[in-house]
PDB file of N, CA and C in Angstrom:
ATOM      1  N   UNK A   1      10.435 -40.649 -11.671  1.00  0.00           N
ATOM      2  CA  UNK A   1      10.308 -40.409 -13.102  1.00  0.00           C
ATOM      3  C   UNK A   1      10.242 -41.749 -13.834  1.00  0.00           C
ATOM      4  N   UNK A   2       9.369 -41.820 -14.811  1.00  0.00           N
ATOM      5  CA  UNK A   2       9.154 -43.052 -15.552  1.00  0.00           C
ATOM      6  C   UNK A   2      10.289 -43.303 -16.544  1.00  0.00           C
ATOM      7  N   UNK A   3      10.604 -44.568 -16.726  1.00  0.00           N
ATOM      8  CA  UNK A   3      11.617 -44.932 -17.710  1.00  0.00           C
ATOM      9  C   UNK A   3      11.051 -44.944 -19.123  1.00  0.00           C
ATOM     10  N   UNK A   4       9.731 -45.015 -19.258  1.00  0.00           N
ATOM     11  CA  UNK A   4       9.105 -45.080 -20.572  1.00  0.00           C
ATOM     12  C   UNK A   4       8.769 -43.673 -21.058  1.00  0.00           C
ATOM     13  N   UNK A   5       9.292 -43.328 -22.214  1.00  0.00           N
ATOM     14  CA  UNK A   5       9.097 -41.989 -22.764  1.00  0.00           C
ATOM     15  C   UNK A   5       7.653 -41.785 -23.206  1.00  0.00           C
ATOM     16  N   UNK A   6       7.067 -42.799 -23.820  1.00  0.00           N
ATOM     17  CA  UNK A   6       5.703 -42.658 -24.323  1.00  0.00           C
ATOM     18  C   UNK A   6       4.706 -43.277 -23.360  1.00  0.00           C
ATOM     19  N   UNK A   7       4.601 -42.699 -22.179  1.00  0.00           N
ATOM     20  CA  UNK A   7       3.682 -43.190 -21.175  1.00  0.00           C
ATOM     21  C   UNK A   7       3.031 -41.998 -20.493  1.00  0.00           C
ATOM     22  N   UNK A   8       1.756 -42.098 -20.235  1.00  0.00           N
ATOM     23  CA  UNK A   8       1.079 -41.057 -19.483  1.00  0.00           C
ATOM     24  C   UNK A   8       0.579 -39.919 -20.352  1.00  0.00           C
ATOM     25  N   UNK A   9       0.856 -38.694 -19.918  1.00  0.00           N
ATOM     26  CA  UNK A   9       0.349 -37.499 -20.587  1.00  0.00           C
ATOM     27  C   UNK A   9       1.056 -37.221 -21.910  1.00  0.00           C
ATOM     28  N   UNK A  10       2.320 -37.542 -22.019  1.00  0.00           N
ATOM     29  CA  UNK A  10       3.093 -37.226 -23.222  1.00  0.00           C
ATOM     30  C   UNK A  10       2.505 -37.834 -24.497  1.00  0.00           C
ATOM     31  N   UNK A  11       2.163 -39.135 -24.534  1.00  0.00           N
ATOM     32  CA  UNK A  11       1.568 -39.663 -25.765  1.00  0.00           C
ATOM     33  C   UNK A  11       0.210 -39.041 -26.071  1.00  0.00           C
ATOM     34  N   UNK A  12      -0.544 -38.716 -25.044  1.00  0.00           N
ATOM     35  CA  UNK A  12      -1.838 -38.074 -25.252  1.00  0.00           C
ATOM     36  C   UNK A  12      -1.647 -36.728 -25.948  1.00  0.00           C
ATOM     37  N   UNK A  13      -0.676 -35.954 -25.467  1.00  0.00           N
ATOM     38  CA  UNK A  13      -0.398 -34.639 -26.074  1.00  0.00           C
ATOM     39  C   UNK A  13       0.128 -34.816 -27.494  1.00  0.00           C
ATOM     40  N   UNK A  14       1.040 -35.752 -27.713  1.00  0.00           N
ATOM     41  CA  UNK A  14       1.582 -35.989 -29.059  1.00  0.00           C
ATOM     42  C   UNK A  14       0.464 -36.372 -30.018  1.00  0.00           C
ATOM     43  N   UNK A  15      -0.447 -37.221 -29.565  1.00  0.00           N
ATOM     44  CA  UNK A  15      -1.525 -37.649 -30.446  1.00  0.00           C
ATOM     45  C   UNK A  15      -2.470 -36.496 -30.767  1.00  0.00           C
ATOM     46  N   UNK A  16      -2.768 -35.637 -29.801  1.00  0.00           N
ATOM     47  CA  UNK A  16      -3.663 -34.502 -30.057  1.00  0.00           C
ATOM     48  C   UNK A  16      -3.007 -33.464 -30.957  1.00  0.00           C
ATOM     49  N   UNK A  17      -1.734 -33.168 -30.721  1.00  0.00           N
ATOM     50  CA  UNK A  17      -1.031 -32.189 -31.562  1.00  0.00           C
ATOM     51  C   UNK A  17      -0.888 -32.728 -32.984  1.00  0.00           C
ATOM     52  N   UNK A  18      -0.558 -33.997 -33.120  1.00  0.00           N
ATOM     53  CA  UNK A  18      -0.428 -34.571 -34.465  1.00  0.00           C
ATOM     54  C   UNK A  18      -1.775 -34.588 -35.177  1.00  0.00           C
ATOM     55  N   UNK A  19      -2.859 -34.847 -34.456  1.00  0.00           N
ATOM     56  CA  UNK A  19      -4.188 -34.837 -35.074  1.00  0.00           C
ATOM     57  C   UNK A  19      -4.552 -33.445 -35.571  1.00  0.00           C
ATOM     58  N   UNK A  20      -4.247 -32.427 -34.784  1.00  0.00           N
ATOM     59  CA  UNK A  20      -4.536 -31.046 -35.206  1.00  0.00           C
ATOM     60  C   UNK A  20      -3.708 -30.697 -36.435  1.00  0.00           C
ATOM     61  N   UNK A  21      -2.435 -31.062 -36.435  1.00  0.00           N
ATOM     62  CA  UNK A  21      -1.599 -30.760 -37.599  1.00  0.00           C
ATOM     63  C   UNK A  21      -2.107 -31.479 -38.843  1.00  0.00           C
ATOM     64  N   UNK A  22      -2.484 -32.757 -38.690  1.00  0.00           N
ATOM     65  CA  UNK A  22      -2.968 -33.508 -39.847  1.00  0.00           C
ATOM     66  C   UNK A  22      -4.255 -32.902 -40.401  1.00  0.00           C
ATOM     67  N   UNK A  23      -5.140 -32.441 -39.532  1.00  0.00           N
ATOM     68  CA  UNK A  23      -6.367 -31.789 -39.996  1.00  0.00           C
ATOM     69  C   UNK A  23      -6.037 -30.509 -40.749  1.00  0.00           C
ATOM     70  N   UNK A  24      -5.130 -29.706 -40.195  1.00  0.00           N
ATOM     71  CA  UNK A  24      -4.739 -28.465 -40.873  1.00  0.00           C
ATOM     72  C   UNK A  24      -4.083 -28.753 -42.224  1.00  0.00           C
ATOM     73  N   UNK A  25      -3.249 -29.790 -42.290  1.00  0.00           N
ATOM     74  CA  UNK A  25      -2.627 -30.145 -43.554  1.00  0.00           C
ATOM     75  C   UNK A  25      -3.660 -30.601 -44.578  1.00  0.00           C
ATOM     76  N   UNK A  26      -4.618 -31.405 -44.141  1.00  0.00           N
ATOM     77  CA  UNK A  26      -5.656 -31.878 -45.062  1.00  0.00           C
ATOM     78  C   UNK A  26      -6.473 -30.706 -45.594  1.00  0.00           C
ATOM     79  N   UNK A  27      -6.758 -29.731 -44.751  1.00  0.00           N
ATOM     80  CA  UNK A  27      -7.476 -28.530 -45.214  1.00  0.00           C
ATOM     81  C   UNK A  27      -6.634 -27.772 -46.231  1.00  0.00           C
ATOM     82  N   UNK A  28      -5.330 -27.624 -45.949  1.00  0.00           N
ATOM     83  CA  UNK A  28      -4.433 -26.934 -46.882  1.00  0.00           C
ATOM     84  C   UNK A  28      -4.336 -27.682 -48.214  1.00  0.00           C
ATOM     85  N   UNK A  29      -4.175 -29.001 -48.144  1.00  0.00           N
ATOM     86  CA  UNK A  29      -4.067 -29.802 -49.372  1.00  0.00           C
ATOM     87  C   UNK A  29      -5.368 -29.756 -50.167  1.00  0.00           C
ATOM     88  N   UNK A  30      -6.507 -29.810 -49.477  1.00  0.00           N
ATOM     89  CA  UNK A  30      -7.795 -29.728 -50.173  1.00  0.00           C
ATOM     90  C   UNK A  30      -7.959 -28.363 -50.828  1.00  0.00           C
ATOM     91  N   UNK A  31      -7.535 -27.309 -50.147  1.00  0.00           N
ATOM     92  CA  UNK A  31      -7.602 -25.974 -50.736  1.00  0.00           C
ATOM     93  C   UNK A  31      -6.743 -25.909 -52.000  1.00  0.00           C
ATOM     94  N   UNK A  32      -5.551 -26.480 -51.936  1.00  0.00           N
ATOM     95  CA  UNK A  32      -4.670 -26.473 -53.113  1.00  0.00           C
ATOM     96  C   UNK A  32      -5.281 -27.265 -54.269  1.00  0.00           C
ATOM     97  N   UNK A  33      -5.904 -28.388 -53.964  1.00  0.00           N
ATOM     98  CA  UNK A  33      -6.513 -29.207 -55.018  1.00  0.00           C
ATOM     99  C   UNK A  33      -7.702 -28.480 -55.643  1.00  0.00           C
ATOM    100  N   UNK A  34      -8.567 -27.916 -54.806  1.00  0.00           N
ATOM    101  CA  UNK A  34      -9.774 -27.285 -55.329  1.00  0.00           C
ATOM    102  C   UNK A  34      -9.517 -25.938 -55.986  1.00  0.00           C
ATOM    103  N   UNK A  35      -8.391 -25.287 -55.648  1.00  0.00           N
ATOM    104  CA  UNK A  35      -8.084 -24.006 -56.273  1.00  0.00           C
ATOM    105  C   UNK A  35      -7.189 -24.153 -57.509  1.00  0.00           C
ATOM    106  N   UNK A  36      -6.770 -25.372 -57.808  1.00  0.00           N
ATOM    107  CA  UNK A  36      -5.910 -25.603 -58.980  1.00  0.00           C
ATOM    108  C   UNK A  36      -6.732 -25.494 -60.257  1.00  0.00           C
ATOM    109  N   UNK A  37      -6.087 -24.972 -61.305  1.00  0.00           N
ATOM    110  CA  UNK A  37      -6.767 -24.851 -62.593  1.00  0.00           C
ATOM    111  C   UNK A  37      -7.058 -26.223 -63.188  1.00  0.00           C
ATOM    112  N   UNK A  38      -6.056 -27.067 -63.197  1.00  0.00           N
ATOM    113  CA  UNK A  38      -6.249 -28.434 -63.680  1.00  0.00           C
ATOM    114  C   UNK A  38      -5.398 -29.367 -62.818  1.00  0.00           C
ATOM    115  N   UNK A  39      -5.892 -30.567 -62.656  1.00  0.00           N
ATOM    116  CA  UNK A  39      -5.172 -31.540 -61.839  1.00  0.00           C
ATOM    117  C   UNK A  39      -4.531 -32.550 -62.778  1.00  0.00           C
ATOM    118  N   UNK A  40      -3.222 -32.403 -62.934  1.00  0.00           N
ATOM    119  CA  UNK A  40      -2.461 -33.310 -63.778  1.00  0.00           C
ATOM    120  C   UNK A  40      -1.283 -33.847 -62.977  1.00  0.00           C
ATOM    121  N   UNK A  41      -0.644 -34.844 -63.519  1.00  0.00           N
ATOM    122  CA  UNK A  41       0.529 -35.407 -62.845  1.00  0.00           C
ATOM    123  C   UNK A  41       1.633 -34.364 -62.718  1.00  0.00           C
ATOM    124  N   UNK A  42       1.876 -33.622 -63.794  1.00  0.00           N
ATOM    125  CA  UNK A  42       2.924 -32.593 -63.753  1.00  0.00           C
ATOM    126  C   UNK A  42       2.582 -31.482 -62.770  1.00  0.00           C
ATOM    127  N   UNK A  43       1.300 -31.123 -62.695  1.00  0.00           N
ATOM    128  CA  UNK A  43       0.885 -30.110 -61.727  1.00  0.00           C
ATOM    129  C   UNK A  43       1.080 -30.577 -60.296  1.00  0.00           C
ATOM    130  N   UNK A  44       0.723 -31.850 -60.050  1.00  0.00           N
ATOM    131  CA  UNK A  44       0.898 -32.416 -58.723  1.00  0.00           C
ATOM    132  C   UNK A  44       2.377 -32.511 -58.372  1.00  0.00           C
ATOM    133  N   UNK A  45       3.173 -32.922 -59.347  1.00  0.00           N
ATOM    134  CA  UNK A  45       4.620 -33.046 -59.131  1.00  0.00           C
ATOM    135  C   UNK A  45       5.243 -31.683 -58.842  1.00  0.00           C
ATOM    136  N   UNK A  46       4.806 -30.658 -59.591  1.00  0.00           N
ATOM    137  CA  UNK A  46       5.292 -29.308 -59.332  1.00  0.00           C
ATOM    138  C   UNK A  46       4.891 -28.808 -57.957  1.00  0.00           C
ATOM    139  N   UNK A  47       3.668 -29.160 -57.533  1.00  0.00           N
ATOM    140  CA  UNK A  47       3.208 -28.753 -56.204  1.00  0.00           C
ATOM    141  C   UNK A  47       4.060 -29.414 -55.131  1.00  0.00           C
ATOM    142  N   UNK A  48       4.345 -30.705 -55.294  1.00  0.00           N
ATOM    143  CA  UNK A  48       5.130 -31.421 -54.301  1.00  0.00           C
ATOM    144  C   UNK A  48       6.589 -30.970 -54.300  1.00  0.00           C
ATOM    145  N   UNK A  49       7.125 -30.585 -55.457  1.00  0.00           N
ATOM    146  CA  UNK A  49       8.521 -30.185 -55.537  1.00  0.00           C
ATOM    147  C   UNK A  49       8.763 -28.788 -54.985  1.00  0.00           C
ATOM    148  N   UNK A  50       7.717 -28.041 -54.740  1.00  0.00           N
ATOM    149  CA  UNK A  50       7.879 -26.733 -54.108  1.00  0.00           C
ATOM    150  C   UNK A  50       8.372 -26.964 -52.678  1.00  0.00           C
ATOM    151  N   UNK A  51       9.472 -26.302 -52.247  1.00  0.00           N
ATOM    152  CA  UNK A  51      10.088 -26.640 -50.957  1.00  0.00           C
ATOM    153  C   UNK A  51       9.149 -26.539 -49.744  1.00  0.00           C
ATOM    154  N   UNK A  52       8.274 -25.543 -49.732  1.00  0.00           N
ATOM    155  CA  UNK A  52       7.348 -25.426 -48.602  1.00  0.00           C
ATOM    156  C   UNK A  52       6.437 -26.646 -48.523  1.00  0.00           C
ATOM    157  N   UNK A  53       5.926 -27.068 -49.665  1.00  0.00           N
ATOM    158  CA  UNK A  53       5.023 -28.219 -49.682  1.00  0.00           C
ATOM    159  C   UNK A  53       5.745 -29.510 -49.330  1.00  0.00           C
ATOM    160  N   UNK A  54       6.979 -29.654 -49.776  1.00  0.00           N
ATOM    161  CA  UNK A  54       7.761 -30.832 -49.403  1.00  0.00           C
ATOM    162  C   UNK A  54       7.950 -30.880 -47.890  1.00  0.00           C
ATOM    163  N   UNK A  55       8.197 -29.720 -47.289  1.00  0.00           N
ATOM    164  CA  UNK A  55       8.389 -29.644 -45.843  1.00  0.00           C
ATOM    165  C   UNK A  55       7.111 -30.002 -45.090  1.00  0.00           C
ATOM    166  N   UNK A  56       5.979 -29.421 -45.504  1.00  0.00           N
ATOM    167  CA  UNK A  56       4.739 -29.710 -44.774  1.00  0.00           C
ATOM    168  C   UNK A  56       4.297 -31.162 -44.981  1.00  0.00           C
ATOM    169  N   UNK A  57       4.581 -31.741 -46.132  1.00  0.00           N
ATOM    170  CA  UNK A  57       4.276 -33.164 -46.345  1.00  0.00           C
ATOM    171  C   UNK A  57       5.173 -34.017 -45.451  1.00  0.00           C
ATOM    172  N   UNK A  58       6.449 -33.660 -45.325  1.00  0.00           N
ATOM    173  CA  UNK A  58       7.356 -34.398 -44.439  1.00  0.00           C
ATOM    174  C   UNK A  58       6.910 -34.339 -42.989  1.00  0.00           C
ATOM    175  N   UNK A  59       6.485 -33.166 -42.537  1.00  0.00           N
ATOM    176  CA  UNK A  59       5.975 -33.039 -41.167  1.00  0.00           C
ATOM    177  C   UNK A  59       4.681 -33.830 -41.010  1.00  0.00           C
ATOM    178  N   UNK A  60       3.849 -33.824 -42.051  1.00  0.00           N
ATOM    179  CA  UNK A  60       2.609 -34.609 -42.027  1.00  0.00           C
ATOM    180  C   UNK A  60       2.915 -36.096 -41.862  1.00  0.00           C
ATOM    181  N   UNK A  61       3.915 -36.584 -42.576  1.00  0.00           N
ATOM    182  CA  UNK A  61       4.282 -38.005 -42.482  1.00  0.00           C
ATOM    183  C   UNK A  61       4.775 -38.327 -41.075  1.00  0.00           C
ATOM    184  N   UNK A  62       5.602 -37.466 -40.505  1.00  0.00           N
ATOM    185  CA  UNK A  62       6.088 -37.692 -39.140  1.00  0.00           C
ATOM    186  C   UNK A  62       4.923 -37.709 -38.155  1.00  0.00           C
ATOM    187  N   UNK A  63       4.013 -36.743 -38.299  1.00  0.00           N
ATOM    188  CA  UNK A  63       2.846 -36.689 -37.413  1.00  0.00           C
ATOM    189  C   UNK A  63       1.986 -37.935 -37.573  1.00  0.00           C
ATOM    190  N   UNK A  64       1.800 -38.367 -38.810  1.00  0.00           N
ATOM    191  CA  UNK A  64       0.984 -39.558 -39.075  1.00  0.00           C
ATOM    192  C   UNK A  64       1.624 -40.812 -38.480  1.00  0.00           C
ATOM    193  N   UNK A  65       2.941 -40.941 -38.604  1.00  0.00           N
ATOM    194  CA  UNK A  65       3.623 -42.116 -38.061  1.00  0.00           C
ATOM    195  C   UNK A  65       3.557 -42.145 -36.535  1.00  0.00           C
ATOM    196  N   UNK A  66       3.781 -40.994 -35.883  1.00  0.00           N
ATOM    197  CA  UNK A  66       3.677 -40.936 -34.422  1.00  0.00           C
ATOM    198  C   UNK A  66       2.251 -41.218 -33.969  1.00  0.00           C
ATOM    199  N   UNK A  67       1.280 -40.625 -34.651  1.00  0.00           N
ATOM    200  CA  UNK A  67      -0.120 -40.819 -34.308  1.00  0.00           C
ATOM    201  C   UNK A  67      -0.508 -42.291 -34.436  1.00  0.00           C
ATOM    202  N   UNK A  68      -0.070 -42.918 -35.511  1.00  0.00           N
ATOM    203  CA  UNK A  68      -0.363 -44.327 -35.736  1.00  0.00           C
ATOM    204  C   UNK A  68       0.308 -45.202 -34.681  1.00  0.00           C
ATOM    205  N   UNK A  69       1.573 -44.937 -34.406  1.00  0.00           N
ATOM    206  CA  UNK A  69       2.305 -45.738 -33.434  1.00  0.00           C
ATOM    207  C   UNK A  69       1.632 -45.675 -32.062  1.00  0.00           C
ATOM    208  N   UNK A  70       1.311 -44.495 -31.606  1.00  0.00           N
ATOM    209  CA  UNK A  70       0.725 -44.351 -30.270  1.00  0.00           C
ATOM    210  C   UNK A  70      -0.649 -45.023 -30.215  1.00  0.00           C
ATOM    211  N   UNK A  71      -1.461 -44.815 -31.237  1.00  0.00           N
ATOM    212  CA  UNK A  71      -2.797 -45.395 -31.233  1.00  0.00           C
ATOM    213  C   UNK A  71      -2.786 -46.911 -31.256  1.00  0.00           C
ATOM    214  N   UNK A  72      -2.040 -47.501 -32.170  1.00  0.00           N
ATOM    215  CA  UNK A  72      -2.015 -48.963 -32.274  1.00  0.00           C
ATOM    216  C   UNK A  72      -1.267 -49.573 -31.089  1.00  0.00           C
ATOM    217  N   UNK A  73      -0.237 -48.909 -30.610  1.00  0.00           N
ATOM    218  CA  UNK A  73       0.498 -49.404 -29.445  1.00  0.00           C
ATOM    219  C   UNK A  73      -0.417 -49.501 -28.235  1.00  0.00           C
ATOM    220  N   UNK A  74      -1.252 -48.473 -28.024  1.00  0.00           N
ATOM    221  CA  UNK A  74      -2.167 -48.507 -26.884  1.00  0.00           C
ATOM    222  C   UNK A  74      -3.186 -49.633 -27.016  1.00  0.00           C
ATOM    223  N   UNK A  75      -3.685 -49.863 -28.225  1.00  0.00           N
ATOM    224  CA  UNK A  75      -4.641 -50.960 -28.437  1.00  0.00           C
ATOM    225  C   UNK A  75      -3.961 -52.304 -28.167  1.00  0.00           C
ATOM    226  N   UNK A  76      -2.747 -52.478 -28.674  1.00  0.00           N
ATOM    227  CA  UNK A  76      -2.027 -53.744 -28.460  1.00  0.00           C
ATOM    228  C   UNK A  76      -1.737 -53.936 -26.975  1.00  0.00           C
ATOM    229  N   UNK A  77      -1.307 -52.895 -26.286  1.00  0.00           N
ATOM    230  CA  UNK A  77      -1.016 -53.028 -24.855  1.00  0.00           C
ATOM    231  C   UNK A  77      -2.266 -53.331 -24.042  1.00  0.00           C
ATOM    232  N   UNK A  78      -3.408 -52.806 -24.467  1.00  0.00           N
ATOM    233  CA  UNK A  78      -4.648 -53.036 -23.728  1.00  0.00           C
ATOM    234  C   UNK A  78      -5.236 -54.425 -23.970  1.00  0.00           C
ATOM    235  N   UNK A  79      -5.109 -54.953 -25.186  1.00  0.00           N
ATOM    236  CA  UNK A  79      -5.844 -56.166 -25.541  1.00  0.00           C
ATOM    237  C   UNK A  79      -4.984 -57.399 -25.793  1.00  0.00           C
ATOM    238  N   UNK A  80      -3.673 -57.264 -25.798  1.00  0.00           N
ATOM    239  CA  UNK A  80      -2.807 -58.430 -25.975  1.00  0.00           C
ATOM    240  C   UNK A  80      -2.116 -58.703 -24.647  1.00  0.00           C
ATOM    241  N   UNK A  81      -2.476 -59.810 -24.026  1.00  0.00           N
ATOM    242  CA  UNK A  81      -1.979 -60.090 -22.681  1.00  0.00           C
ATOM    243  C   UNK A  81      -0.734 -60.974 -22.675  1.00  0.00           C
ATOM    244  N   UNK A  82      -0.528 -61.742 -23.714  1.00  0.00           N
ATOM    245  CA  UNK A  82       0.665 -62.570 -23.822  1.00  0.00           C
ATOM    246  C   UNK A  82       1.841 -61.662 -24.173  1.00  0.00           C
ATOM    247  N   UNK A  83       2.840 -61.615 -23.304  1.00  0.00           N
ATOM    248  CA  UNK A  83       3.945 -60.673 -23.448  1.00  0.00           C
ATOM    249  C   UNK A  83       4.762 -60.926 -24.714  1.00  0.00           C
ATOM    250  N   UNK A  84       4.966 -62.191 -25.064  1.00  0.00           N
ATOM    251  CA  UNK A  84       5.752 -62.494 -26.273  1.00  0.00           C
ATOM    252  C   UNK A  84       4.995 -62.081 -27.535  1.00  0.00           C
ATOM    253  N   UNK A  85       3.700 -62.330 -27.558  1.00  0.00           N
ATOM    254  CA  UNK A  85       2.888 -61.906 -28.693  1.00  0.00           C
ATOM    255  C   UNK A  85       2.843 -60.391 -28.783  1.00  0.00           C
ATOM    256  N   UNK A  86       2.766 -59.729 -27.640  1.00  0.00           N
ATOM    257  CA  UNK A  86       2.760 -58.263 -27.597  1.00  0.00           C
ATOM    258  C   UNK A  86       4.065 -57.707 -28.174  1.00  0.00           C
ATOM    259  N   UNK A  87       5.185 -58.266 -27.762  1.00  0.00           N
ATOM    260  CA  UNK A  87       6.484 -57.803 -28.273  1.00  0.00           C
ATOM    261  C   UNK A  87       6.584 -58.054 -29.770  1.00  0.00           C
ATOM    262  N   UNK A  88       6.113 -59.214 -30.229  1.00  0.00           N
ATOM    263  CA  UNK A  88       6.153 -59.528 -31.651  1.00  0.00           C
ATOM    264  C   UNK A  88       5.309 -58.540 -32.458  1.00  0.00           C
ATOM    265  N   UNK A  89       4.082 -58.290 -32.010  1.00  0.00           N
ATOM    266  CA  UNK A  89       3.198 -57.373 -32.735  1.00  0.00           C
ATOM    267  C   UNK A  89       3.775 -55.965 -32.754  1.00  0.00           C
ATOM    268  N   UNK A  90       4.280 -55.491 -31.617  1.00  0.00           N
ATOM    269  CA  UNK A  90       4.850 -54.144 -31.565  1.00  0.00           C
ATOM    270  C   UNK A  90       6.117 -54.030 -32.413  1.00  0.00           C
ATOM    271  N   UNK A  91       6.930 -55.084 -32.435  1.00  0.00           N
ATOM    272  CA  UNK A  91       8.129 -55.075 -33.272  1.00  0.00           C
ATOM    273  C   UNK A  91       7.767 -55.055 -34.748  1.00  0.00           C
ATOM    274  N   UNK A  92       6.781 -55.857 -35.108  1.00  0.00           N
ATOM    275  CA  UNK A  92       6.313 -55.879 -36.489  1.00  0.00           C
ATOM    276  C   UNK A  92       5.743 -54.524 -36.889  1.00  0.00           C
ATOM    277  N   UNK A  93       4.934 -53.947 -36.012  1.00  0.00           N
ATOM    278  CA  UNK A  93       4.361 -52.624 -36.281  1.00  0.00           C
ATOM    279  C   UNK A  93       5.456 -51.577 -36.440  1.00  0.00           C
ATOM    280  N   UNK A  94       6.434 -51.597 -35.548  1.00  0.00           N
ATOM    281  CA  UNK A  94       7.517 -50.617 -35.634  1.00  0.00           C
ATOM    282  C   UNK A  94       8.294 -50.787 -36.935  1.00  0.00           C
ATOM    283  N   UNK A  95       8.555 -52.016 -37.336  1.00  0.00           N
ATOM    284  CA  UNK A  95       9.261 -52.257 -38.593  1.00  0.00           C
ATOM    285  C   UNK A  95       8.482 -51.745 -39.792  1.00  0.00           C
ATOM    286  N   UNK A  96       7.179 -51.990 -39.802  1.00  0.00           N
ATOM    287  CA  UNK A  96       6.346 -51.519 -40.912  1.00  0.00           C
ATOM    288  C   UNK A  96       6.318 -49.991 -40.951  1.00  0.00           C
ATOM    289  N   UNK A  97       6.140 -49.357 -39.797  1.00  0.00           N
ATOM    290  CA  UNK A  97       6.082 -47.888 -39.760  1.00  0.00           C
ATOM    291  C   UNK A  97       7.416 -47.261 -40.153  1.00  0.00           C
ATOM    292  N   UNK A  98       8.505 -47.813 -39.676  1.00  0.00           N
ATOM    293  CA  UNK A  98       9.823 -47.285 -40.058  1.00  0.00           C
ATOM    294  C   UNK A  98      10.053 -47.479 -41.549  1.00  0.00           C
ATOM    295  N   UNK A  99       9.702 -48.650 -42.066  1.00  0.00           N
ATOM    296  CA  UNK A  99       9.848 -48.892 -43.503  1.00  0.00           C
ATOM    297  C   UNK A  99       9.032 -47.917 -44.335  1.00  0.00           C
ATOM    298  N   UNK A 100       7.784 -47.702 -43.949  1.00  0.00           N
ATOM    299  CA  UNK A 100       6.932 -46.743 -44.676  1.00  0.00           C
ATOM    300  C   UNK A 100       7.497 -45.334 -44.587  1.00  0.00           C
ATOM    301  N   UNK A 101       7.952 -44.963 -43.403  1.00  0.00           N
ATOM    302  CA  UNK A 101       8.528 -43.629 -43.233  1.00  0.00           C
ATOM    303  C   UNK A 101       9.772 -43.424 -44.082  1.00  0.00           C
ATOM    304  N   UNK A 102      10.657 -44.407 -44.097  1.00  0.00           N
ATOM    305  CA  UNK A 102      11.869 -44.296 -44.920  1.00  0.00           C
ATOM    306  C   UNK A 102      11.536 -44.242 -46.404  1.00  0.00           C
ATOM    307  N   UNK A 103      10.556 -45.024 -46.819  1.00  0.00           N
ATOM    308  CA  UNK A 103      10.147 -45.019 -48.220  1.00  0.00           C
ATOM    309  C   UNK A 103       9.596 -43.655 -48.623  1.00  0.00           C
ATOM    310  N   UNK A 104       8.737 -43.085 -47.801  1.00  0.00           N
ATOM    311  CA  UNK A 104       8.156 -41.779 -48.121  1.00  0.00           C
ATOM    312  C   UNK A 104       9.220 -40.695 -48.099  1.00  0.00           C
ATOM    313  N   UNK A 105      10.118 -40.723 -47.120  1.00  0.00           N
ATOM    314  CA  UNK A 105      11.157 -39.698 -47.084  1.00  0.00           C
ATOM    315  C   UNK A 105      12.152 -39.848 -48.226  1.00  0.00           C
ATOM    316  N   UNK A 106      12.338 -41.072 -48.707  1.00  0.00           N
ATOM    317  CA  UNK A 106      13.158 -41.259 -49.911  1.00  0.00           C
ATOM    318  C   UNK A 106      12.498 -40.573 -51.098  1.00  0.00           C
ATOM    319  N   UNK A 107      11.180 -40.741 -51.231  1.00  0.00           N
ATOM    320  CA  UNK A 107      10.461 -40.066 -52.316  1.00  0.00           C
ATOM    321  C   UNK A 107      10.521 -38.554 -52.180  1.00  0.00           C
ATOM    322  N   UNK A 108      10.388 -38.066 -50.946  1.00  0.00           N
ATOM    323  CA  UNK A 108      10.461 -36.617 -50.753  1.00  0.00           C
ATOM    324  C   UNK A 108      11.869 -36.084 -51.022  1.00  0.00           C
ATOM    325  N   UNK A 109      12.868 -36.855 -50.637  1.00  0.00           N
ATOM    326  CA  UNK A 109      14.246 -36.443 -50.901  1.00  0.00           C
ATOM    327  C   UNK A 109      14.526 -36.423 -52.385  1.00  0.00           C
ATOM    328  N   UNK A 110      14.003 -37.394 -53.118  1.00  0.00           N
ATOM    329  CA  UNK A 110      14.168 -37.389 -54.569  1.00  0.00           C
ATOM    330  C   UNK A 110      13.467 -36.177 -55.204  1.00  0.00           C
ATOM    331  N   UNK A 111      12.352 -35.737 -54.598  1.00  0.00           N
ATOM    332  CA  UNK A 111      11.671 -34.578 -55.139  1.00  0.00           C
ATOM    333  C   UNK A 111      12.490 -33.316 -54.906  1.00  0.00           C
ATOM    334  N   UNK A 112      13.271 -33.267 -53.839  1.00  0.00           N
ATOM    335  CA  UNK A 112      14.096 -32.085 -53.562  1.00  0.00           C
ATOM    336  C   UNK A 112      15.381 -32.124 -54.377  1.00  0.00           C
ATOM    337  N   UNK A 113      16.042 -33.293 -54.410  1.00  0.00           N
ATOM    338  CA  UNK A 113      17.341 -33.417 -55.083  1.00  0.00           C
ATOM    339  C   UNK A 113      17.200 -33.519 -56.586  1.00  0.00           C
ATOM    340  N   UNK A 114      16.325 -34.374 -57.036  1.00  0.00           N
ATOM    341  CA  UNK A 114      16.299 -34.666 -58.462  1.00  0.00           C
ATOM    342  C   UNK A 114      15.136 -34.088 -59.124  1.00  0.00           C
TER     343      UNK A 114
END
């Protein structure tokens, strides 16, 4: 058994499932935008504050972060041969993705709480 969790078939499946979810979410969001009477800030805010929409946006963000991590990680592993540079790039990428994820979930939490 491999010590690496994201190696082999598992990342491939995660990337395909996340891609399908993101496509379905984009179709749902486009339907909501095109079926809205008017597109205003308050309307958008009300749409996001609806608990179902907050949940699907949160799942979308998780899927997007996993999809991004796996895709860029594979490119870095394939094309960066210097191990120290590879570790630096992957660490930087992980920090940026975690920061973006925390920022978005803070916004979503504020939409639920406040």
